[in-house]
Amino acid sequence: MIFRKRIVIADNERALVFTDRQLTDVLATGVHYITDVLSRVNVNVFDVTDPEVRNIKIKTLMRNKAALCKQYFEEISTNETEIALIYIDDKFKSLMAPQSEKIFWKTVKIEVIKIDISSDIQATDKLMNLVARSAQSSVLSKGLYIKEIVNKQIGLLFIDGQYVKSLKAGKYGFWNYNKTVAIEIVETRAQGIDVAGQEILTKDKVSLRVNLSASYKVADVQTAISSLSNYKEFLYTELQLALRKAIGTKTLDALLTDKESIDSYVRKIVVRKVTEFGLTLLDVGVKDIILPGEMKTLLNRVVEAEKTAKANIIKRREETAATRSLLNTAKLMDQSATLRRLKELETLEKIADKVDKITVFGGMEGMIQDTIKISA
């Protein structure tokens, strides 16, 4: 017949039949014949390889032609406190956020699992792994906050800015739809902090550059996080201020003589302040005290002068001792002719060692008497 149309629908297709622009039928796979007088019938064919319907017009038809559409379409919606896991032919397909809707062709097996996130905000390991393995993981993970806490760390869970609980080592996931979820991770092992390059004036107005190192632990995690916006910056500032006080109350000589006093002074001040904020200061130590160039030169001169003075004192002491010894020898020689004679012979021996040739007149006795004469 001239007004009869032959419509072929493939296995992966479905068709909507409109008469006078009104939905009148849905065609499944097969060959169909439609009577069309005056071209009043229009057929729209859709590929249902992907069963999800993204055509806005069909979503409108679901409301206006509900009785007809329910045979061929399945509508899924969530309220403001729900999420939905959608499985197509027993395989995870997608995650629906709260207050959303999706429409699927009834050409596949569709399973929906809804979760009330108002009472069950934490995701199970199974769900986290499911989302991570999904082909749409980068998109789906936006609604799932995941954080991993390693050994010796503590995680503090905050929801909408309010502290909820502490978390031990492990992997955690929380649905963050309509909520702000954050986990603050705190290291509970001993940590180090350096206060480097501090330009400080001593009591006698000498400019020094001092480097300080300290080690600490977070003893009370909740107190440290809730009481301080940044506990590391707080500790750094307290060490810095205490170091300035320690240097500013001592002269340069006192500092160079007893550097350990700086450590004990800083430790005493800082320990008292940080303990109330959940921190434990383990150790404090000055690494370097760096003097300006001109001060180094001056100190080197002072040290050189001190060493020279000490050397002179030692030299004078030795000269005095030698003179005293010589005086004692002279007194003994004055009291003993034999000793005086031995001294003469000793002197003669020294002279003889340095003389190449000696001419003797008057014999040995004359040589001794005329060469060396010591008056009493």
Protein backbone atom coordinates (compact mmCIF):
# COMPACT_ATOMS: atom_id res chain seq x y z
CA MET A 1 0.00 0.00 0.00
CA ILE A 2 1.17 3.50 -0.78
CA PHE A 3 0.71 4.82 2.78
CA ARG A 4 2.43 1.85 4.45
CA LYS A 5 6.07 2.27 5.71
CA ARG A 6 8.48 -0.57 6.40
CA ILE A 7 10.70 0.08 9.45
CA VAL A 8 13.62 -2.22 10.33
CA ILE A 9 15.03 -2.00 13.88
CA ALA A 10 18.40 -3.69 14.51
CA ASP A 11 19.33 -5.62 17.64
CA ASN A 12 21.14 -2.61 19.09
CA GLU A 13 18.36 -0.14 18.26
CA ARG A 14 15.00 1.07 19.51
CA ALA A 15 12.62 3.52 17.85
CA LEU A 16 10.07 6.06 19.04
CA VAL A 17 7.01 6.57 16.85
CA PHE A 18 5.43 10.02 16.84
CA THR A 19 2.07 10.78 15.23
CA ASP A 20 1.29 14.43 14.87
CA ARG A 21 4.37 15.00 17.07
CA GLN A 22 2.87 12.95 19.89
CA LEU A 23 4.53 9.74 21.15
CA THR A 24 2.28 6.84 20.17
CA ASP A 25 4.54 3.76 20.22
CA VAL A 26 8.02 2.34 20.91
CA LEU A 27 9.46 -0.17 18.46
CA ALA A 28 11.72 -3.04 19.56
CA THR A 29 14.07 -5.16 17.40
CA GLY A 30 12.46 -6.45 14.21
CA VAL A 31 10.58 -5.41 11.05
CA HIS A 32 7.59 -3.12 11.52
CA TYR A 33 4.98 -1.71 9.14
CA ILE A 34 3.40 1.64 9.87
CA THR A 35 0.51 3.32 8.06
CA ASP A 36 1.31 6.96 7.39
CA VAL A 37 -1.35 9.13 5.81
CA LEU A 38 -0.34 12.64 4.81
CA SER A 39 3.13 12.14 6.37
CA ARG A 40 1.80 12.51 9.89
CA VAL A 41 4.10 9.80 11.33
CA ASN A 42 7.75 10.34 12.28
CA VAL A 43 10.08 7.57 13.51
CA ASN A 44 13.20 8.33 15.62
CA VAL A 45 15.72 5.48 15.87
CA PHE A 46 18.15 5.31 18.86
CA ASP A 47 21.31 3.26 19.38
CA VAL A 48 20.98 1.46 22.72
CA THR A 49 24.51 0.03 22.82
CA ASP A 50 24.91 2.38 25.75
CA PRO A 51 21.66 1.86 27.61
CA GLU A 52 21.79 5.21 29.41
CA VAL A 53 19.44 7.77 27.88
CA ARG A 54 20.96 11.23 27.54
CA ASN A 55 18.33 12.76 25.27
CA ILE A 56 16.52 15.54 27.13
CA LYS A 57 13.32 15.07 25.08
CA ILE A 58 12.93 11.49 26.29
CA LYS A 59 13.22 12.67 29.89
CA THR A 60 10.25 14.95 29.18
CA LEU A 61 8.30 12.09 27.61
CA MET A 62 8.81 10.07 30.79
CA ARG A 63 6.60 12.55 32.57
CA ASN A 64 4.02 13.16 29.86
CA LYS A 65 3.71 9.57 28.58
CA ALA A 66 4.52 7.69 31.78
CA ALA A 67 2.23 4.70 31.12
CA LEU A 68 3.84 3.96 27.75
CA CYS A 69 7.43 4.80 28.72
CA LYS A 70 7.53 2.60 31.83
CA GLN A 71 7.39 -0.47 29.60
CA TYR A 72 10.62 0.51 27.85
CA PHE A 73 12.52 2.84 30.20
CA GLU A 74 13.69 2.65 33.80
CA GLU A 75 14.11 5.86 35.75
CA ILE A 76 16.43 6.03 38.78
CA SER A 77 16.53 9.02 41.12
CA THR A 78 18.11 9.89 44.47
CA ASN A 79 17.06 12.32 47.17
CA GLU A 80 19.34 14.82 48.95
CA THR A 81 20.77 12.23 51.37
CA GLU A 82 21.17 9.27 49.00
CA ILE A 83 23.71 8.00 46.52
CA ALA A 84 23.11 5.11 44.16
CA LEU A 85 25.41 2.43 42.76
CA ILE A 86 24.21 1.29 39.34
CA TYR A 87 25.08 -2.16 38.00
CA ILE A 88 24.44 -3.09 34.35
CA ASP A 89 24.37 -6.83 33.65
CA ASP A 90 25.98 -7.43 37.07
CA LYS A 91 28.84 -5.00 36.35
CA PHE A 92 29.30 -1.70 38.14
CA LYS A 93 28.38 1.11 35.76
CA SER A 94 28.20 4.41 37.59
CA LEU A 95 27.70 6.28 40.85
CA MET A 96 24.79 8.66 41.21
CA ALA A 97 25.14 11.74 43.39
CA PRO A 98 22.36 12.99 45.67
CA GLN A 99 19.43 14.77 44.01
CA SER A 100 20.10 13.36 40.56
CA GLU A 101 18.29 11.13 38.07
CA LYS A 102 19.16 8.80 35.21
CA ILE A 103 17.07 6.98 32.61
CA PHE A 104 17.99 3.63 31.02
CA TRP A 105 16.55 1.57 28.21
CA LYS A 106 15.15 -1.72 29.48
CA THR A 107 17.41 -3.67 27.17
CA VAL A 108 19.77 -4.82 29.93
CA LYS A 109 19.63 -6.06 33.50
CA ILE A 110 19.73 -3.05 35.80
CA GLU A 111 20.44 -3.26 39.55
CA VAL A 112 20.45 -0.25 41.88
CA ILE A 113 21.94 -0.11 45.38
CA LYS A 114 21.12 3.03 47.34
CA ILE A 115 23.12 4.25 50.35
CA ASP A 116 21.89 6.79 52.88
CA ILE A 117 24.97 8.98 53.40
CA SER A 118 23.35 10.99 56.19
CA SER A 119 23.90 8.05 58.54
CA ASP A 120 26.61 6.11 56.70
CA ILE A 121 29.12 8.65 55.43
CA GLN A 122 32.11 6.29 55.51
CA ALA A 123 32.65 4.10 52.46
CA THR A 124 33.66 0.49 52.85
CA ASP A 125 36.88 -0.91 51.41
CA LYS A 126 34.79 -2.76 48.83
CA LEU A 127 33.18 0.44 47.60
CA MET A 128 36.49 2.30 47.48
CA ASN A 129 38.05 -0.47 45.40
CA LEU A 130 34.94 -0.57 43.19
CA VAL A 131 35.16 3.15 42.41
CA ALA A 132 38.93 2.97 41.90
CA ARG A 133 38.61 0.14 39.34
CA SER A 134 35.81 1.80 37.41
CA ALA A 135 36.45 3.17 33.93
CA GLN A 136 35.08 6.48 35.22
CA SER A 137 37.23 6.48 38.37
CA SER A 138 38.55 10.03 37.82
CA VAL A 139 34.98 11.35 37.66
CA LEU A 140 33.41 9.16 40.32
CA SER A 141 36.18 9.76 42.87
CA LYS A 142 35.22 13.44 43.07
CA GLY A 143 32.35 12.43 45.34
CA LEU A 144 34.52 10.12 47.45
CA TYR A 145 37.20 11.59 49.71
CA ILE A 146 40.01 9.02 50.13
CA LYS A 147 42.99 9.36 52.45
CA GLU A 148 45.67 6.88 53.46
CA ILE A 149 47.30 7.05 56.90
CA VAL A 150 50.61 5.22 57.29
CA ASN A 151 52.21 3.69 60.37
CA LYS A 152 53.01 6.05 63.29
CA GLN A 153 50.58 8.65 61.94
CA ILE A 154 47.27 9.77 63.37
CA GLY A 155 44.44 11.20 61.25
CA LEU A 156 41.92 13.67 62.61
CA LEU A 157 38.58 13.57 60.82
CA PHE A 158 36.78 16.89 60.34
CA ILE A 159 33.30 17.14 58.80
CA ASP A 160 32.07 20.63 57.94
CA GLY A 161 34.94 22.01 60.00
CA GLN A 162 34.01 20.06 63.14
CA TYR A 163 36.28 17.46 64.71
CA VAL A 164 34.64 14.01 64.64
CA LYS A 165 37.21 11.38 65.63
CA SER A 166 40.81 10.17 65.41
CA LEU A 167 41.84 7.59 62.84
CA LYS A 168 44.67 5.05 63.10
CA ALA A 169 46.84 3.80 60.25
CA GLY A 170 44.82 2.57 57.27
CA LYS A 171 42.96 3.68 54.15
CA TYR A 172 39.71 5.59 54.61
CA GLY A 173 36.99 6.84 52.28
CA PHE A 174 34.15 9.26 53.05
CA TRP A 175 31.31 10.47 50.84
CA ASN A 176 31.68 14.24 50.59
CA TYR A 177 28.43 15.09 48.86
CA ASN A 178 26.75 18.06 50.57
CA LYS A 179 29.51 17.99 53.19
CA THR A 180 33.10 19.13 53.53
CA VAL A 181 35.28 16.22 54.62
CA ALA A 182 38.93 16.64 55.59
CA ILE A 183 41.49 14.44 57.34
CA GLU A 184 44.42 16.17 59.01
CA ILE A 185 47.39 13.79 59.21
CA VAL A 186 49.83 14.23 62.10
CA GLU A 187 53.21 12.51 62.43
CA THR A 188 53.68 11.09 65.94
CA ARG A 189 57.33 10.11 65.53
CA ALA A 190 60.17 12.39 66.61
CA GLN A 191 60.75 15.21 64.15
CA GLY A 192 63.44 17.82 63.66
CA ILE A 193 63.17 21.55 63.13
CA ASP A 194 65.90 24.06 62.27
CA VAL A 195 65.98 27.75 63.15
CA ALA A 196 68.60 28.95 60.69
CA GLY A 197 70.42 32.22 60.03
CA GLN A 198 69.13 34.31 62.95
CA GLU A 199 70.80 37.74 63.10
CA ILE A 200 70.95 38.59 66.83
CA LEU A 201 72.70 41.27 68.93
CA THR A 202 74.48 40.22 72.11
CA LYS A 203 74.34 42.19 75.35
CA ASP A 204 77.53 44.04 74.34
CA LYS A 205 76.03 44.91 70.90
CA VAL A 206 77.92 42.37 68.80
CA SER A 207 75.95 41.03 65.81
CA LEU A 208 75.91 37.24 65.53
CA ARG A 209 74.31 34.77 63.14
CA VAL A 210 73.12 31.70 65.03
CA ASN A 211 71.76 28.35 63.78
CA LEU A 212 69.65 26.26 66.15
CA SER A 213 68.32 22.70 65.85
CA ALA A 214 65.60 21.05 67.91
CA SER A 215 63.71 17.76 68.00
CA TYR A 216 60.12 17.30 69.14
CA LYS A 217 57.12 14.97 69.16
CA VAL A 218 53.38 15.55 68.99
CA ALA A 219 52.19 14.09 72.29
CA ASP A 220 48.51 15.11 72.11
CA VAL A 221 47.42 15.16 68.46
CA GLN A 222 43.92 16.54 69.00
CA THR A 223 45.15 19.41 71.20
CA ALA A 224 47.94 20.33 68.77
CA ILE A 225 45.59 20.49 65.78
CA SER A 226 42.57 22.07 67.43
CA SER A 227 44.53 24.67 69.44
CA LEU A 228 47.01 25.75 66.76
CA SER A 229 46.51 26.58 63.11
CA ASN A 230 50.04 25.33 62.38
CA TYR A 231 51.92 23.73 65.26
CA LYS A 232 55.21 23.62 63.32
CA GLU A 233 55.17 27.37 62.74
CA PHE A 234 54.24 27.89 66.38
CA LEU A 235 57.19 25.83 67.60
CA TYR A 236 59.54 27.59 65.17
CA THR A 237 58.45 31.02 66.44
CA GLU A 238 58.85 30.03 70.09
CA LEU A 239 62.36 28.67 69.46
CA GLN A 240 63.25 31.83 67.56
CA LEU A 241 62.06 34.16 70.34
CA ALA A 242 63.71 32.12 73.09
CA LEU A 243 67.00 32.09 71.15
CA ARG A 244 66.91 35.88 70.83
CA LYS A 245 66.36 36.22 74.57
CA ALA A 246 69.20 33.83 75.34
CA ILE A 247 71.67 35.68 73.11
CA GLY A 248 70.51 39.18 74.08
CA THR A 249 71.13 38.64 77.80
CA LYS A 250 74.77 37.54 77.46
CA THR A 251 78.01 39.13 76.28
CA LEU A 252 80.03 37.68 73.43
CA ASP A 253 82.73 36.35 75.77
CA ALA A 254 80.13 34.61 77.93
CA LEU A 255 78.50 33.00 74.88
CA LEU A 256 81.75 31.74 73.44
CA THR A 257 82.85 30.42 76.83
CA ASP A 258 79.61 28.55 77.59
CA LYS A 259 77.49 27.77 74.53
CA GLU A 260 75.60 25.06 76.39
CA SER A 261 73.95 27.71 78.53
CA ILE A 262 72.06 28.84 75.43
CA ASP A 263 70.67 25.33 74.93
CA SER A 264 69.44 25.02 78.51
CA TYR A 265 67.96 28.54 78.50
CA VAL A 266 66.02 27.99 75.26
CA ARG A 267 64.83 24.57 76.34
CA LYS A 268 63.59 25.86 79.70
CA ILE A 269 61.49 28.60 78.10
CA VAL A 270 60.09 26.65 75.14
CA VAL A 271 59.21 23.44 77.01
CA ARG A 272 56.89 25.33 79.30
CA LYS A 273 55.06 27.04 76.43
CA VAL A 274 54.60 24.13 74.01
CA THR A 275 53.56 21.48 76.53
CA GLU A 276 50.10 23.01 76.97
CA PHE A 277 49.55 22.71 73.21
CA GLY A 278 50.26 18.98 73.06
CA LEU A 279 53.91 19.17 71.97
CA THR A 280 56.95 17.62 73.65
CA LEU A 281 60.35 19.24 73.12
CA LEU A 282 62.99 16.49 73.15
CA ASP A 283 66.26 18.31 72.59
CA VAL A 284 67.67 21.72 71.67
CA GLY A 285 71.17 22.59 70.50
CA VAL A 286 73.07 25.50 68.95
CA LYS A 287 74.70 24.27 65.73
CA ASP A 288 76.75 27.33 64.78
CA ILE A 289 77.64 30.79 66.07
CA ILE A 290 78.89 32.79 63.10
CA LEU A 291 80.75 36.06 63.67
CA PRO A 292 81.02 38.89 61.11
CA GLY A 293 84.35 39.15 59.24
CA GLU A 294 85.73 42.18 61.13
CA MET A 295 84.83 40.60 64.47
CA LYS A 296 86.69 37.42 63.53
CA THR A 297 89.79 39.47 62.71
CA LEU A 298 89.54 41.34 66.00
CA LEU A 299 89.11 38.15 68.02
CA ASN A 300 92.08 36.58 66.25
CA ARG A 301 94.18 39.56 67.28
CA VAL A 302 92.98 39.29 70.88
CA VAL A 303 93.81 35.59 70.95
CA GLU A 304 97.21 36.27 69.41
CA ALA A 305 97.94 38.98 72.00
CA GLU A 306 96.88 36.67 74.84
CA LYS A 307 99.13 33.89 73.57
CA THR A 308 102.05 36.31 73.15
CA ALA A 309 101.58 37.61 76.68
CA LYS A 310 101.49 34.09 78.06
CA ALA A 311 104.66 33.23 76.12
CA ASN A 312 106.45 36.28 77.54
CA ILE A 313 105.42 35.35 81.07
CA ILE A 314 106.77 31.85 80.60
CA LYS A 315 109.98 33.26 79.12
CA ARG A 316 110.48 35.64 82.07
CA ARG A 317 109.74 32.84 84.50
CA GLU A 318 112.40 30.66 82.89
CA GLU A 319 114.93 33.52 82.86
CA THR A 320 114.28 34.16 86.54
CA ALA A 321 114.73 30.52 87.34
CA ALA A 322 117.99 30.44 85.37
CA THR A 323 119.31 33.54 87.14
CA ARG A 324 118.39 32.10 90.51
CA SER A 325 120.17 28.88 89.64
CA LEU A 326 123.25 30.86 88.53
CA LEU A 327 123.24 32.81 91.78
CA ASN A 328 123.10 29.62 93.81
CA THR A 329 126.02 28.23 91.83
CA ALA A 330 128.06 31.40 92.48
CA LYS A 331 127.42 31.17 96.20
CA LEU A 332 128.59 27.54 96.27
CA MET A 333 131.70 28.43 94.29
CA ASP A 334 132.46 31.25 96.70
CA GLN A 335 132.32 28.81 99.57
CA SER A 336 134.39 26.04 97.91
CA ALA A 337 137.78 26.48 96.17
CA THR A 338 137.52 23.00 94.69
CA LEU A 339 134.16 23.74 93.12
CA ARG A 340 135.52 26.99 91.76
CA ARG A 341 138.46 25.11 90.25
CA LEU A 342 136.12 22.59 88.60
CA LYS A 343 134.15 25.43 87.11
CA GLU A 344 137.37 26.89 85.70
CA LEU A 345 138.20 23.57 84.09
CA GLU A 346 134.68 23.29 82.64
CA THR A 347 135.01 26.74 81.12
CA LEU A 348 138.46 25.88 79.73
CA GLU A 349 136.99 22.75 78.12
CA LYS A 350 134.33 24.80 76.36
CA ILE A 351 136.93 27.26 75.09
CA ALA A 352 139.18 24.47 73.86
CA ASP A 353 136.33 22.99 71.80
CA LYS A 354 136.15 26.21 69.79
CA VAL A 355 139.86 26.93 69.34
CA ASP A 356 141.77 25.39 66.45
CA LYS A 357 145.32 25.96 67.86
CA ILE A 358 146.65 27.06 71.26
CA THR A 359 150.30 28.13 71.95
CA VAL A 360 151.27 27.39 75.55
CA PHE A 361 153.94 29.30 77.49
CA GLY A 362 154.99 28.32 80.99
CA GLY A 363 153.56 24.82 80.93
CA MET A 364 150.09 23.56 81.91
CA GLU A 365 150.11 25.48 85.16
CA GLY A 366 150.81 28.72 83.38
CA MET A 367 148.09 28.08 80.83
CA ILE A 368 145.50 27.48 83.50
CA GLN A 369 146.48 30.39 85.62
CA ASP A 370 147.00 32.93 82.82
CA THR A 371 144.05 31.89 80.56
CA ILE A 372 141.29 31.77 83.16
CA LYS A 373 141.25 34.03 86.12
CA ILE A 374 138.20 34.25 88.38
CA SER A 375 138.38 36.81 91.10
CA ALA A 376 136.82 35.93 94.36
